[in-house]
Amino acid sequence: MARFLIVGAFLAAVFWIYSVVDCAAQPTTRHRGVSKTVWVLIVVLLPVIGGILWFLLGRRRAGESNSQYVSGPDDRPDVLRGMDKAEQDARIRQLEEELARLDDEADGADPRS
């Protein structure tokens, strides 16, 4: 039984050290949720649990972007500035028609009538 405790404590210490080094070595852009300093404190003050939280919640993957959603061209001011008034009105009309069609489908109405 004592061997299991010693091995478990050793593995926990190795995991804790690895978590602290990984958290501190990552650039600030790879930290999710809170700042890098707070993540390092979480990992240091909560040895095993902090490391688990860091790897599950705090560490941003290499290909993961900072934004939570993909924005369309209507959300970008530079695209809207490039449109003239007629294009903007046509785009608004098109979006309103699409929204009305989706509302009709959601209500169970036949969209062809």
PDB file of N, CA and C in Angstrom:
ATOM      1  N   MET A   1       0.815  -1.193   0.000  1.00  0.00           N
ATOM      2  CA  MET A   1       0.000   0.000   0.000  1.00  0.00           C
ATOM      3  C   MET A   1       0.859   1.257   0.000  1.00  0.00           C
ATOM      4  N   ALA A   2       1.948   1.199   0.748  1.00  0.00           N
ATOM      5  CA  ALA A   2       2.836   2.351   0.831  1.00  0.00           C
ATOM      6  C   ALA A   2       3.481   2.635  -0.526  1.00  0.00           C
ATOM      7  N   ARG A   3       3.763   1.574  -1.290  1.00  0.00           N
ATOM      8  CA  ARG A   3       4.347   1.772  -2.618  1.00  0.00           C
ATOM      9  C   ARG A   3       3.399   2.550  -3.517  1.00  0.00           C
ATOM     10  N   PHE A   4       2.106   2.203  -3.465  1.00  0.00           N
ATOM     11  CA  PHE A   4       1.127   2.902  -4.294  1.00  0.00           C
ATOM     12  C   PHE A   4       1.037   4.378  -3.928  1.00  0.00           C
ATOM     13  N   LEU A   5       1.117   4.673  -2.641  1.00  0.00           N
ATOM     14  CA  LEU A   5       1.076   6.067  -2.199  1.00  0.00           C
ATOM     15  C   LEU A   5       2.324   6.823  -2.663  1.00  0.00           C
ATOM     16  N   ILE A   6       3.467   6.176  -2.579  1.00  0.00           N
ATOM     17  CA  ILE A   6       4.712   6.825  -3.003  1.00  0.00           C
ATOM     18  C   ILE A   6       4.694   7.054  -4.509  1.00  0.00           C
ATOM     19  N   VAL A   7       4.287   6.048  -5.275  1.00  0.00           N
ATOM     20  CA  VAL A   7       4.214   6.182  -6.732  1.00  0.00           C
ATOM     21  C   VAL A   7       3.170   7.229  -7.112  1.00  0.00           C
ATOM     22  N   GLY A   8       2.021   7.207  -6.445  1.00  0.00           N
ATOM     23  CA  GLY A   8       0.974   8.192  -6.711  1.00  0.00           C
ATOM     24  C   GLY A   8       1.435   9.606  -6.398  1.00  0.00           C
ATOM     25  N   ALA A   9       2.113   9.785  -5.285  1.00  0.00           N
ATOM     26  CA  ALA A   9       2.631  11.106  -4.918  1.00  0.00           C
ATOM     27  C   ALA A   9       3.691  11.567  -5.921  1.00  0.00           C
ATOM     28  N   PHE A  10       4.533  10.646  -6.364  1.00  0.00           N
ATOM     29  CA  PHE A  10       5.555  10.992  -7.352  1.00  0.00           C
ATOM     30  C   PHE A  10       4.907  11.413  -8.679  1.00  0.00           C
ATOM     31  N   LEU A  11       3.906  10.636  -9.132  1.00  0.00           N
ATOM     32  CA  LEU A  11       3.222  10.979 -10.386  1.00  0.00           C
ATOM     33  C   LEU A  11       2.471  12.305 -10.268  1.00  0.00           C
ATOM     34  N   ALA A  12       1.861  12.550  -9.107  1.00  0.00           N
ATOM     35  CA  ALA A  12       1.161  13.818  -8.893  1.00  0.00           C
ATOM     36  C   ALA A  12       2.150  14.977  -8.927  1.00  0.00           C
ATOM     37  N   ALA A  13       3.329  14.800  -8.331  1.00  0.00           N
ATOM     38  CA  ALA A  13       4.338  15.857  -8.332  1.00  0.00           C
ATOM     39  C   ALA A  13       4.856  16.123  -9.750  1.00  0.00           C
ATOM     40  N   VAL A  14       5.079  15.070 -10.517  1.00  0.00           N
ATOM     41  CA  VAL A  14       5.541  15.232 -11.905  1.00  0.00           C
ATOM     42  C   VAL A  14       4.472  15.948 -12.728  1.00  0.00           C
ATOM     43  N   PHE A  15       3.228  15.549 -12.569  1.00  0.00           N
ATOM     44  CA  PHE A  15       2.132  16.203 -13.294  1.00  0.00           C
ATOM     45  C   PHE A  15       2.023  17.670 -12.898  1.00  0.00           C
ATOM     46  N   TRP A  16       2.161  17.958 -11.606  1.00  0.00           N
ATOM     47  CA  TRP A  16       2.068  19.334 -11.116  1.00  0.00           C
ATOM     48  C   TRP A  16       3.184  20.192 -11.706  1.00  0.00           C
ATOM     49  N   ILE A  17       4.405  19.685 -11.692  1.00  0.00           N
ATOM     50  CA  ILE A  17       5.539  20.436 -12.248  1.00  0.00           C
ATOM     51  C   ILE A  17       5.352  20.655 -13.748  1.00  0.00           C
ATOM     52  N   TYR A  18       4.926  19.617 -14.455  1.00  0.00           N
ATOM     53  CA  TYR A  18       4.675  19.744 -15.884  1.00  0.00           C
ATOM     54  C   TYR A  18       3.595  20.789 -16.160  1.00  0.00           C
ATOM     55  N   SER A  19       2.529  20.794 -15.353  1.00  0.00           N
ATOM     56  CA  SER A  19       1.438  21.752 -15.534  1.00  0.00           C
ATOM     57  C   SER A  19       1.912  23.180 -15.299  1.00  0.00           C
ATOM     58  N   VAL A  20       2.695  23.389 -14.264  1.00  0.00           N
ATOM     59  CA  VAL A  20       3.207  24.734 -13.965  1.00  0.00           C
ATOM     60  C   VAL A  20       4.098  25.222 -15.103  1.00  0.00           C
ATOM     61  N   VAL A  21       4.994  24.379 -15.559  1.00  0.00           N
ATOM     62  CA  VAL A  21       5.911  24.769 -16.641  1.00  0.00           C
ATOM     63  C   VAL A  21       5.138  25.019 -17.933  1.00  0.00           C
ATOM     64  N   ASP A  22       4.190  24.162 -18.261  1.00  0.00           N
ATOM     65  CA  ASP A  22       3.411  24.330 -19.479  1.00  0.00           C
ATOM     66  C   ASP A  22       2.597  25.618 -19.428  1.00  0.00           C
ATOM     67  N   CYS A  23       1.962  25.875 -18.307  1.00  0.00           N
ATOM     68  CA  CYS A  23       1.146  27.084 -18.159  1.00  0.00           C
ATOM     69  C   CYS A  23       2.011  28.335 -18.249  1.00  0.00           C
ATOM     70  N   ALA A  24       3.165  28.323 -17.620  1.00  0.00           N
ATOM     71  CA  ALA A  24       4.039  29.498 -17.626  1.00  0.00           C
ATOM     72  C   ALA A  24       4.723  29.700 -18.972  1.00  0.00           C
ATOM     73  N   ALA A  25       4.968  28.625 -19.705  1.00  0.00           N
ATOM     74  CA  ALA A  25       5.696  28.736 -20.969  1.00  0.00           C
ATOM     75  C   ALA A  25       4.805  29.120 -22.149  1.00  0.00           C
ATOM     76  N   GLN A  26       3.502  28.918 -22.034  1.00  0.00           N
ATOM     77  CA  GLN A  26       2.594  29.245 -23.136  1.00  0.00           C
ATOM     78  C   GLN A  26       2.506  30.756 -23.311  1.00  0.00           C
ATOM     79  N   PRO A  27       2.439  31.229 -24.559  1.00  0.00           N
ATOM     80  CA  PRO A  27       2.234  32.665 -24.763  1.00  0.00           C
ATOM     81  C   PRO A  27       0.860  33.092 -24.242  1.00  0.00           C
ATOM     82  N   THR A  28       0.730  34.356 -23.943  1.00  0.00           N
ATOM     83  CA  THR A  28      -0.503  34.880 -23.370  1.00  0.00           C
ATOM     84  C   THR A  28      -1.708  34.630 -24.258  1.00  0.00           C
ATOM     85  N   THR A  29      -1.512  34.579 -25.565  1.00  0.00           N
ATOM     86  CA  THR A  29      -2.626  34.364 -26.487  1.00  0.00           C
ATOM     87  C   THR A  29      -3.181  32.951 -26.416  1.00  0.00           C
ATOM     88  N   ARG A  30      -2.479  32.031 -25.796  1.00  0.00           N
ATOM     89  CA  ARG A  30      -2.928  30.640 -25.705  1.00  0.00           C
ATOM     90  C   ARG A  30      -3.658  30.343 -24.402  1.00  0.00           C
ATOM     91  N   HIS A  31      -3.948  31.388 -23.587  1.00  0.00           N
ATOM     92  CA  HIS A  31      -4.664  31.203 -22.327  1.00  0.00           C
ATOM     93  C   HIS A  31      -6.120  31.597 -22.516  1.00  0.00           C
ATOM     94  N   ARG A  32      -7.022  30.728 -22.099  1.00  0.00           N
ATOM     95  CA  ARG A  32      -8.458  30.984 -22.203  1.00  0.00           C
ATOM     96  C   ARG A  32      -9.018  31.393 -20.854  1.00  0.00           C
ATOM     97  N   GLY A  33     -10.052  32.215 -20.877  1.00  0.00           N
ATOM     98  CA  GLY A  33     -10.788  32.548 -19.661  1.00  0.00           C
ATOM     99  C   GLY A  33     -10.199  33.700 -18.882  1.00  0.00           C
ATOM    100  N   VAL A  34      -9.148  33.456 -18.156  1.00  0.00           N
ATOM    101  CA  VAL A  34      -8.524  34.488 -17.326  1.00  0.00           C
ATOM    102  C   VAL A  34      -7.091  34.709 -17.795  1.00  0.00           C
ATOM    103  N   SER A  35      -6.418  35.662 -17.181  1.00  0.00           N
ATOM    104  CA  SER A  35      -5.065  36.009 -17.620  1.00  0.00           C
ATOM    105  C   SER A  35      -4.058  34.901 -17.282  1.00  0.00           C
ATOM    106  N   LYS A  36      -2.899  35.030 -17.868  1.00  0.00           N
ATOM    107  CA  LYS A  36      -1.836  34.044 -17.673  1.00  0.00           C
ATOM    108  C   LYS A  36      -1.423  33.970 -16.207  1.00  0.00           C
ATOM    109  N   THR A  37      -1.324  35.121 -15.555  1.00  0.00           N
ATOM    110  CA  THR A  37      -0.913  35.156 -14.151  1.00  0.00           C
ATOM    111  C   THR A  37      -1.901  34.393 -13.274  1.00  0.00           C
ATOM    112  N   VAL A  38      -3.180  34.586 -13.510  1.00  0.00           N
ATOM    113  CA  VAL A  38      -4.196  33.884 -12.720  1.00  0.00           C
ATOM    114  C   VAL A  38      -4.116  32.378 -12.971  1.00  0.00           C
ATOM    115  N   TRP A  39      -3.895  31.975 -14.216  1.00  0.00           N
ATOM    116  CA  TRP A  39      -3.782  30.536 -14.493  1.00  0.00           C
ATOM    117  C   TRP A  39      -2.575  29.936 -13.782  1.00  0.00           C
ATOM    118  N   VAL A  40      -1.459  30.647 -13.786  1.00  0.00           N
ATOM    119  CA  VAL A  40      -0.276  30.121 -13.092  1.00  0.00           C
ATOM    120  C   VAL A  40      -0.575  29.984 -11.601  1.00  0.00           C
ATOM    121  N   LEU A  41      -1.252  30.980 -11.022  1.00  0.00           N
ATOM    122  CA  LEU A  41      -1.610  30.889  -9.597  1.00  0.00           C
ATOM    123  C   LEU A  41      -2.553  29.716  -9.321  1.00  0.00           C
ATOM    124  N   ILE A  42      -3.523  29.499 -10.191  1.00  0.00           N
ATOM    125  CA  ILE A  42      -4.444  28.375 -10.019  1.00  0.00           C
ATOM    126  C   ILE A  42      -3.685  27.055 -10.036  1.00  0.00           C
ATOM    127  N   VAL A  43      -2.779  26.910 -10.997  1.00  0.00           N
ATOM    128  CA  VAL A  43      -2.032  25.654 -11.122  1.00  0.00           C
ATOM    129  C   VAL A  43      -1.084  25.465  -9.944  1.00  0.00           C
ATOM    130  N   VAL A  44      -0.482  26.538  -9.457  1.00  0.00           N
ATOM    131  CA  VAL A  44       0.456  26.418  -8.339  1.00  0.00           C
ATOM    132  C   VAL A  44      -0.282  26.151  -7.027  1.00  0.00           C
ATOM    133  N   LEU A  45      -1.379  26.864  -6.785  1.00  0.00           N
ATOM    134  CA  LEU A  45      -2.068  26.749  -5.501  1.00  0.00           C
ATOM    135  C   LEU A  45      -2.964  25.510  -5.386  1.00  0.00           C
ATOM    136  N   LEU A  46      -3.435  24.994  -6.498  1.00  0.00           N
ATOM    137  CA  LEU A  46      -4.247  23.768  -6.509  1.00  0.00           C
ATOM    138  C   LEU A  46      -3.504  22.718  -7.331  1.00  0.00           C
ATOM    139  N   PRO A  47      -2.508  22.052  -6.740  1.00  0.00           N
ATOM    140  CA  PRO A  47      -1.582  21.232  -7.514  1.00  0.00           C
ATOM    141  C   PRO A  47      -2.188  20.316  -8.577  1.00  0.00           C
ATOM    142  N   VAL A  48      -2.926  19.318  -8.247  1.00  0.00           N
ATOM    143  CA  VAL A  48      -3.419  18.385  -9.255  1.00  0.00           C
ATOM    144  C   VAL A  48      -4.679  18.934  -9.925  1.00  0.00           C
ATOM    145  N   ILE A  49      -5.589  19.450  -9.125  1.00  0.00           N
ATOM    146  CA  ILE A  49      -6.847  19.981  -9.669  1.00  0.00           C
ATOM    147  C   ILE A  49      -6.572  21.170 -10.595  1.00  0.00           C
ATOM    148  N   GLY A  50      -5.649  22.045 -10.215  1.00  0.00           N
ATOM    149  CA  GLY A  50      -5.301  23.184 -11.060  1.00  0.00           C
ATOM    150  C   GLY A  50      -4.724  22.746 -12.395  1.00  0.00           C
ATOM    151  N   GLY A  51      -3.899  21.702 -12.384  1.00  0.00           N
ATOM    152  CA  GLY A  51      -3.346  21.180 -13.638  1.00  0.00           C
ATOM    153  C   GLY A  51      -4.415  20.593 -14.533  1.00  0.00           C
ATOM    154  N   ILE A  52      -5.343  19.879 -13.924  1.00  0.00           N
ATOM    155  CA  ILE A  52      -6.446  19.310 -14.710  1.00  0.00           C
ATOM    156  C   ILE A  52      -7.289  20.430 -15.307  1.00  0.00           C
ATOM    157  N   LEU A  53      -7.609  21.444 -14.498  1.00  0.00           N
ATOM    158  CA  LEU A  53      -8.373  22.589 -15.006  1.00  0.00           C
ATOM    159  C   LEU A  53      -7.624  23.294 -16.129  1.00  0.00           C
ATOM    160  N   TRP A  54      -6.322  23.429 -15.967  1.00  0.00           N
ATOM    161  CA  TRP A  54      -5.516  24.095 -16.996  1.00  0.00           C
ATOM    162  C   TRP A  54      -5.615  23.358 -18.329  1.00  0.00           C
ATOM    163  N   PHE A  55      -5.451  22.047 -18.300  1.00  0.00           N
ATOM    164  CA  PHE A  55      -5.467  21.293 -19.553  1.00  0.00           C
ATOM    165  C   PHE A  55      -6.873  21.161 -20.144  1.00  0.00           C
ATOM    166  N   LEU A  56      -7.902  21.137 -19.310  1.00  0.00           N
ATOM    167  CA  LEU A  56      -9.259  20.999 -19.828  1.00  0.00           C
ATOM    168  C   LEU A  56      -9.882  22.332 -20.224  1.00  0.00           C
ATOM    169  N   LEU A  57      -9.655  23.374 -19.445  1.00  0.00           N
ATOM    170  CA  LEU A  57     -10.355  24.638 -19.662  1.00  0.00           C
ATOM    171  C   LEU A  57      -9.469  25.798 -20.109  1.00  0.00           C
ATOM    172  N   GLY A  58      -8.260  25.876 -19.630  1.00  0.00           N
ATOM    173  CA  GLY A  58      -7.463  27.075 -19.815  1.00  0.00           C
ATOM    174  C   GLY A  58      -6.562  27.102 -21.022  1.00  0.00           C
ATOM    175  N   ARG A  59      -6.177  25.964 -21.503  1.00  0.00           N
ATOM    176  CA  ARG A  59      -5.191  25.917 -22.589  1.00  0.00           C
ATOM    177  C   ARG A  59      -5.889  25.944 -23.935  1.00  0.00           C
ATOM    178  N   ARG A  60      -5.564  26.948 -24.728  1.00  0.00           N
ATOM    179  CA  ARG A  60      -6.132  27.062 -26.070  1.00  0.00           C
ATOM    180  C   ARG A  60      -5.282  26.226 -27.015  1.00  0.00           C
ATOM    181  N   ARG A  61      -5.927  25.471 -27.875  1.00  0.00           N
ATOM    182  CA  ARG A  61      -5.205  24.620 -28.821  1.00  0.00           C
ATOM    183  C   ARG A  61      -4.530  25.478 -29.885  1.00  0.00           C
ATOM    184  N   ALA A  62      -3.565  24.918 -30.587  1.00  0.00           N
ATOM    185  CA  ALA A  62      -2.770  25.673 -31.559  1.00  0.00           C
ATOM    186  C   ALA A  62      -3.613  26.248 -32.690  1.00  0.00           C
ATOM    187  N   GLY A  63      -4.560  25.497 -33.220  1.00  0.00           N
ATOM    188  CA  GLY A  63      -5.354  25.974 -34.339  1.00  0.00           C
ATOM    189  C   GLY A  63      -6.608  26.724 -33.934  1.00  0.00           C
ATOM    190  N   GLU A  64      -6.868  26.821 -32.641  1.00  0.00           N
ATOM    191  CA  GLU A  64      -8.100  27.440 -32.152  1.00  0.00           C
ATOM    192  C   GLU A  64      -7.980  28.962 -32.216  1.00  0.00           C
ATOM    193  N   SER A  65      -9.008  29.609 -32.744  1.00  0.00           N
ATOM    194  CA  SER A  65      -8.968  31.066 -32.857  1.00  0.00           C
ATOM    195  C   SER A  65      -9.473  31.708 -31.579  1.00  0.00           C
ATOM    196  N   ASN A  66      -9.232  33.017 -31.449  1.00  0.00           N
ATOM    197  CA  ASN A  66      -9.669  33.747 -30.271  1.00  0.00           C
ATOM    198  C   ASN A  66     -11.152  34.048 -30.280  1.00  0.00           C
ATOM    199  N   SER A  67     -11.765  34.113 -31.464  1.00  0.00           N
ATOM    200  CA  SER A  67     -13.179  34.472 -31.517  1.00  0.00           C
ATOM    201  C   SER A  67     -14.046  33.254 -31.271  1.00  0.00           C
ATOM    202  N   GLN A  68     -15.218  33.494 -30.714  1.00  0.00           N
ATOM    203  CA  GLN A  68     -16.144  32.419 -30.407  1.00  0.00           C
ATOM    204  C   GLN A  68     -17.035  32.082 -31.594  1.00  0.00           C
ATOM    205  N   TYR A  69     -17.119  32.945 -32.564  1.00  0.00           N
ATOM    206  CA  TYR A  69     -18.007  32.717 -33.690  1.00  0.00           C
ATOM    207  C   TYR A  69     -17.355  33.242 -34.965  1.00  0.00           C
ATOM    208  N   VAL A  70     -17.884  32.822 -36.075  1.00  0.00           N
ATOM    209  CA  VAL A  70     -17.416  33.289 -37.368  1.00  0.00           C
ATOM    210  C   VAL A  70     -18.349  34.402 -37.806  1.00  0.00           C
ATOM    211  N   SER A  71     -17.795  35.549 -38.126  1.00  0.00           N
ATOM    212  CA  SER A  71     -18.646  36.668 -38.515  1.00  0.00           C
ATOM    213  C   SER A  71     -18.830  36.690 -40.026  1.00  0.00           C
ATOM    214  N   GLY A  72     -20.008  37.081 -40.413  1.00  0.00           N
ATOM    215  CA  GLY A  72     -20.311  37.210 -41.832  1.00  0.00           C
ATOM    216  C   GLY A  72     -19.888  38.570 -42.349  1.00  0.00           C
ATOM    217  N   PRO A  73     -20.013  38.789 -43.650  1.00  0.00           N
ATOM    218  CA  PRO A  73     -19.588  40.064 -44.209  1.00  0.00           C
ATOM    219  C   PRO A  73     -20.430  41.234 -43.716  1.00  0.00           C
ATOM    220  N   ASP A  74     -21.669  40.978 -43.271  1.00  0.00           N
ATOM    221  CA  ASP A  74     -22.507  42.071 -42.772  1.00  0.00           C
ATOM    222  C   ASP A  74     -22.027  42.584 -41.419  1.00  0.00           C
ATOM    223  N   ASP A  75     -21.193  41.817 -40.737  1.00  0.00           N
ATOM    224  CA  ASP A  75     -20.680  42.234 -39.438  1.00  0.00           C
ATOM    225  C   ASP A  75     -19.380  43.026 -39.541  1.00  0.00           C
ATOM    226  N   ARG A  76     -18.850  43.146 -40.721  1.00  0.00           N
ATOM    227  CA  ARG A  76     -17.565  43.830 -40.898  1.00  0.00           C
ATOM    228  C   ARG A  76     -17.784  45.219 -41.481  1.00  0.00           C
ATOM    229  N   PRO A  77     -17.400  46.268 -40.766  1.00  0.00           N
ATOM    230  CA  PRO A  77     -17.621  47.640 -41.240  1.00  0.00           C
ATOM    231  C   PRO A  77     -16.925  47.944 -42.563  1.00  0.00           C
ATOM    232  N   ASP A  78     -15.757  47.343 -42.818  1.00  0.00           N
ATOM    233  CA  ASP A  78     -15.061  47.635 -44.068  1.00  0.00           C
ATOM    234  C   ASP A  78     -15.853  47.135 -45.274  1.00  0.00           C
ATOM    235  N   VAL A  79     -16.541  46.008 -45.141  1.00  0.00           N
ATOM    236  CA  VAL A  79     -17.371  45.496 -46.230  1.00  0.00           C
ATOM    237  C   VAL A  79     -18.586  46.395 -46.427  1.00  0.00           C
ATOM    238  N   LEU A  80     -19.195  46.805 -45.314  1.00  0.00           N
ATOM    239  CA  LEU A  80     -20.366  47.673 -45.415  1.00  0.00           C
ATOM    240  C   LEU A  80     -20.017  49.033 -46.006  1.00  0.00           C
ATOM    241  N   ARG A  81     -18.830  49.553 -45.686  1.00  0.00           N
ATOM    242  CA  ARG A  81     -18.405  50.836 -46.270  1.00  0.00           C
ATOM    243  C   ARG A  81     -18.222  50.741 -47.776  1.00  0.00           C
ATOM    244  N   GLY A  82     -17.862  49.530 -48.248  1.00  0.00           N
ATOM    245  CA  GLY A  82     -17.648  49.342 -49.676  1.00  0.00           C
ATOM    246  C   GLY A  82     -18.942  49.226 -50.469  1.00  0.00           C
ATOM    247  N   MET A  83     -20.071  49.020 -49.786  1.00  0.00           N
ATOM    248  CA  MET A  83     -21.353  48.892 -50.474  1.00  0.00           C
ATOM    249  C   MET A  83     -22.001  50.270 -50.626  1.00  0.00           C
ATOM    250  N   ASP A  84     -22.660  50.464 -51.746  1.00  0.00           N
ATOM    251  CA  ASP A  84     -23.414  51.712 -51.865  1.00  0.00           C
ATOM    252  C   ASP A  84     -24.792  51.512 -51.242  1.00  0.00           C
ATOM    253  N   LYS A  85     -25.563  52.572 -51.159  1.00  0.00           N
ATOM    254  CA  LYS A  85     -26.858  52.547 -50.481  1.00  0.00           C
ATOM    255  C   LYS A  85     -27.813  51.523 -51.100  1.00  0.00           C
ATOM    256  N   ALA A  86     -27.832  51.404 -52.414  1.00  0.00           N
ATOM    257  CA  ALA A  86     -28.735  50.460 -53.083  1.00  0.00           C
ATOM    258  C   ALA A  86     -28.367  49.020 -52.736  1.00  0.00           C
ATOM    259  N   GLU A  87     -27.077  48.720 -52.692  1.00  0.00           N
ATOM    260  CA  GLU A  87     -26.637  47.366 -52.339  1.00  0.00           C
ATOM    261  C   GLU A  87     -27.004  47.048 -50.888  1.00  0.00           C
ATOM    262  N   GLN A  88     -26.830  48.031 -50.001  1.00  0.00           N
ATOM    263  CA  GLN A  88     -27.180  47.811 -48.603  1.00  0.00           C
ATOM    264  C   GLN A  88     -28.677  47.556 -48.450  1.00  0.00           C
ATOM    265  N   ASP A  89     -29.496  48.354 -49.147  1.00  0.00           N
ATOM    266  CA  ASP A  89     -30.948  48.167 -49.073  1.00  0.00           C
ATOM    267  C   ASP A  89     -31.356  46.805 -49.625  1.00  0.00           C
ATOM    268  N   ALA A  90     -30.732  46.399 -50.733  1.00  0.00           N
ATOM    269  CA  ALA A  90     -31.046  45.094 -51.313  1.00  0.00           C
ATOM    270  C   ALA A  90     -30.646  43.974 -50.352  1.00  0.00           C
ATOM    271  N   ARG A  91     -29.509  44.106 -49.727  1.00  0.00           N
ATOM    272  CA  ARG A  91     -29.048  43.089 -48.776  1.00  0.00           C
ATOM    273  C   ARG A  91     -29.987  43.017 -47.573  1.00  0.00           C
ATOM    274  N   ILE A  92     -30.424  44.168 -47.072  1.00  0.00           N
ATOM    275  CA  ILE A  92     -31.352  44.193 -45.943  1.00  0.00           C
ATOM    276  C   ILE A  92     -32.671  43.539 -46.329  1.00  0.00           C
ATOM    277  N   ARG A  93     -33.187  43.852 -47.512  1.00  0.00           N
ATOM    278  CA  ARG A  93     -34.426  43.265 -47.995  1.00  0.00           C
ATOM    279  C   ARG A  93     -34.298  41.742 -48.092  1.00  0.00           C
ATOM    280  N   GLN A  94     -33.173  41.281 -48.637  1.00  0.00           N
ATOM    281  CA  GLN A  94     -32.933  39.842 -48.775  1.00  0.00           C
ATOM    282  C   GLN A  94     -32.903  39.163 -47.401  1.00  0.00           C
ATOM    283  N   LEU A  95     -32.230  39.776 -46.447  1.00  0.00           N
ATOM    284  CA  LEU A  95     -32.152  39.186 -45.114  1.00  0.00           C
ATOM    285  C   LEU A  95     -33.514  39.188 -44.423  1.00  0.00           C
ATOM    286  N   GLU A  96     -34.297  40.241 -44.610  1.00  0.00           N
ATOM    287  CA  GLU A  96     -35.638  40.285 -44.022  1.00  0.00           C
ATOM    288  C   GLU A  96     -36.538  39.208 -44.624  1.00  0.00           C
ATOM    289  N   GLU A  97     -36.439  38.984 -45.937  1.00  0.00           N
ATOM    290  CA  GLU A  97     -37.231  37.940 -46.578  1.00  0.00           C
ATOM    291  C   GLU A  97     -36.828  36.561 -46.064  1.00  0.00           C
ATOM    292  N   GLU A  98     -35.520  36.353 -45.902  1.00  0.00           N
ATOM    293  CA  GLU A  98     -35.041  35.069 -45.393  1.00  0.00           C
ATOM    294  C   GLU A  98     -35.505  34.846 -43.957  1.00  0.00           C
ATOM    295  N   LEU A  99     -35.474  35.902 -43.153  1.00  0.00           N
ATOM    296  CA  LEU A  99     -35.923  35.798 -41.775  1.00  0.00           C
ATOM    297  C   LEU A  99     -37.423  35.507 -41.718  1.00  0.00           C
ATOM    298  N   ALA A 100     -38.210  36.169 -42.564  1.00  0.00           N
ATOM    299  CA  ALA A 100     -39.654  35.917 -42.599  1.00  0.00           C
ATOM    300  C   ALA A 100     -39.930  34.471 -43.018  1.00  0.00           C
ATOM    301  N   ARG A 101     -39.174  33.971 -44.003  1.00  0.00           N
ATOM    302  CA  ARG A 101     -39.345  32.590 -44.450  1.00  0.00           C
ATOM    303  C   ARG A 101     -39.011  31.619 -43.315  1.00  0.00           C
ATOM    304  N   LEU A 102     -37.951  31.890 -42.577  1.00  0.00           N
ATOM    305  CA  LEU A 102     -37.575  31.021 -41.459  1.00  0.00           C
ATOM    306  C   LEU A 102     -38.612  31.078 -40.345  1.00  0.00           C
ATOM    307  N   ASP A 103     -39.178  32.254 -40.101  1.00  0.00           N
ATOM    308  CA  ASP A 103     -40.239  32.371 -39.098  1.00  0.00           C
ATOM    309  C   ASP A 103     -41.462  31.574 -39.510  1.00  0.00           C
ATOM    310  N   ASP A 104     -41.809  31.634 -40.799  1.00  0.00           N
ATOM    311  CA  ASP A 104     -42.961  30.868 -41.289  1.00  0.00           C
ATOM    312  C   ASP A 104     -42.723  29.370 -41.137  1.00  0.00           C
ATOM    313  N   GLU A 105     -41.513  28.925 -41.436  1.00  0.00           N
ATOM    314  CA  GLU A 105     -41.196  27.500 -41.299  1.00  0.00           C
ATOM    315  C   GLU A 105     -41.245  27.077 -39.837  1.00  0.00           C
ATOM    316  N   ALA A 106     -40.790  27.948 -38.957  1.00  0.00           N
ATOM    317  CA  ALA A 106     -40.791  27.628 -37.530  1.00  0.00           C
ATOM    318  C   ALA A 106     -42.204  27.560 -36.975  1.00  0.00           C
ATOM    319  N   ASP A 107     -43.107  28.374 -37.537  1.00  0.00           N
ATOM    320  CA  ASP A 107     -44.486  28.380 -37.083  1.00  0.00           C
ATOM    321  C   ASP A 107     -45.295  27.213 -37.651  1.00  0.00           C
ATOM    322  N   GLY A 108     -44.723  26.499 -38.580  1.00  0.00           N
ATOM    323  CA  GLY A 108     -45.407  25.365 -39.175  1.00  0.00           C
ATOM    324  C   GLY A 108     -46.220  25.740 -40.392  1.00  0.00           C
ATOM    325  N   ALA A 109     -46.146  26.978 -40.832  1.00  0.00           N
ATOM    326  CA  ALA A 109     -46.884  27.396 -42.011  1.00  0.00           C
ATOM    327  C   ALA A 109     -46.176  26.892 -43.245  1.00  0.00           C
ATOM    328  N   ASP A 110     -46.921  26.744 -44.313  1.00  0.00           N
ATOM    329  CA  ASP A 110     -46.356  26.308 -45.579  1.00  0.00           C
ATOM    330  C   ASP A 110     -45.647  27.490 -46.222  1.00  0.00           C
ATOM    331  N   PRO A 111     -44.320  27.440 -46.439  1.00  0.00           N
ATOM    332  CA  PRO A 111     -43.589  28.581 -46.967  1.00  0.00           C
ATOM    333  C   PRO A 111     -43.927  28.889 -48.429  1.00  0.00           C
ATOM    334  N   ARG A 112     -44.590  27.966 -49.145  1.00  0.00           N
ATOM    335  CA  ARG A 112     -44.896  28.203 -50.562  1.00  0.00           C
ATOM    336  C   ARG A 112     -46.167  29.005 -50.745  1.00  0.00           C
ATOM    337  N   SER A 113     -46.947  29.173 -49.691  1.00  0.00           N
ATOM    338  CA  SER A 113     -48.222  29.907 -49.853  1.00  0.00           C
ATOM    339  C   SER A 113     -48.076  31.369 -49.503  1.00  0.00           C
TER     340      SER A 113
END
